[in-house]
C-alpha cells in the first residue's frame, strides 16, 4: 500500500469516526425531543413534522448527499488501485 492510499484511508477513517460521533449526538437529541413531544401533545408533534419535512427538502440535506458522493468516489478510486 503506497503513502497516498494510506493517507486516503486515514482521512476516510477520521471522517467516518467524526460522523459517527455526530450521529450519536443527533440520536440523543432526537430521542429527547420525541419524549418532549409526547409530553406536549399532538400539536407539538404536528409542528415538528412540518419543520422536519421543510429541513429534509432543504440545502442541508443536499449537502449531506454531496459528501456521501465524494466519499463514494474515493472508495471507487481505492478499489481500482
Protein backbone atom coordinates (compact mmCIF):
# COMPACT_ATOMS: atom_id res chain seq x y z
CA UNK A 1 0.00 0.00 0.00
CA UNK A 2 1.52 3.31 -1.03
CA UNK A 3 1.51 6.50 1.04
CA UNK A 4 -1.26 8.15 -0.99
CA UNK A 5 -3.69 5.30 -0.39
CA UNK A 6 -2.69 5.13 3.27
CA UNK A 7 -3.41 8.86 3.62
CA UNK A 8 -6.77 8.48 1.86
CA UNK A 9 -7.75 5.62 4.15
CA UNK A 10 -6.65 7.54 7.24
CA UNK A 11 -8.67 10.57 6.14
CA UNK A 12 -11.72 8.44 5.37
CA UNK A 13 -11.48 6.77 8.78
CA UNK A 14 -11.17 10.11 10.58
CA UNK A 15 -14.14 11.47 8.66
CA UNK A 16 -16.31 8.43 9.40
CA UNK A 17 -15.28 8.47 13.06
CA UNK A 18 -16.32 12.12 13.35
CA UNK A 19 -19.58 11.40 11.57
CA UNK A 20 -20.35 8.54 13.98
CA UNK A 21 -19.76 10.81 16.97
CA UNK A 22 -22.04 13.46 15.46
CA UNK A 23 -24.68 10.83 14.68
CA UNK A 24 -24.65 9.63 18.28
CA UNK A 25 -25.28 13.19 19.46
CA UNK A 26 -28.10 13.64 16.95
CA UNK A 27 -29.69 10.40 18.12
CA UNK A 28 -29.57 11.56 21.75
CA UNK A 29 -31.23 14.86 20.84
CA UNK A 30 -33.83 13.09 18.70
CA UNK A 31 -34.85 10.71 21.48
CA UNK A 32 -35.07 13.58 23.97
CA UNK A 33 -37.23 15.57 21.55
CA UNK A 34 -39.51 12.59 20.98
CA UNK A 35 -40.09 12.31 24.72
CA UNK A 36 -40.76 16.05 24.96
CA UNK A 37 -43.28 15.92 22.09
CA UNK A 38 -45.08 13.04 23.76
CA UNK A 39 -45.49 15.17 26.87
CA UNK A 40 -46.51 18.31 24.94
CA UNK A 41 -49.18 16.56 22.92
CA UNK A 42 -50.27 16.18 19.30
CA UNK A 43 -49.92 19.87 18.34
CA UNK A 44 -46.19 19.81 19.11
CA UNK A 45 -45.77 16.63 17.07
CA UNK A 46 -47.52 18.23 14.10
CA UNK A 47 -45.30 21.31 14.27
CA UNK A 48 -42.20 19.13 14.42
CA UNK A 49 -43.34 17.09 11.41
CA UNK A 50 -43.91 20.29 9.41
CA UNK A 51 -40.45 21.67 10.15
CA UNK A 52 -38.74 18.31 9.72
CA UNK A 53 -40.18 17.98 6.21
CA UNK A 54 -39.01 21.50 5.30
CA UNK A 55 -35.47 20.77 6.51
CA UNK A 56 -35.34 17.39 4.79
CA UNK A 57 -36.12 19.06 1.47
CA UNK A 58 -33.62 21.88 2.04
CA UNK A 59 -29.97 22.66 1.43
CA UNK A 60 -28.55 20.87 4.47
CA UNK A 61 -29.94 17.57 3.23
CA UNK A 62 -28.48 18.15 -0.24
CA UNK A 63 -25.05 19.00 1.26
CA UNK A 64 -25.03 15.70 3.14
CA UNK A 65 -25.69 13.78 -0.05
CA UNK A 66 -22.78 15.60 -1.73
CA UNK A 67 -20.41 14.44 0.99
CA UNK A 68 -21.54 10.83 0.53
CA UNK A 69 -20.99 11.06 -3.22
CA UNK A 70 -17.46 12.41 -2.72
CA UNK A 71 -16.65 9.62 -0.28
CA UNK A 72 -18.03 7.08 -2.75
CA UNK A 73 -15.64 8.37 -5.42
CA UNK A 74 -12.69 7.99 -3.06
CA UNK A 75 -13.70 4.41 -2.29
CA UNK A 76 -14.05 3.64 -6.00
CA UNK A 77 -10.58 5.05 -6.58
CA UNK A 78 -9.16 2.87 -3.85
CA UNK A 79 -10.90 -0.18 -5.31
CA UNK A 80 -9.34 0.47 -8.69
CA UNK A 81 -5.81 0.61 -7.21
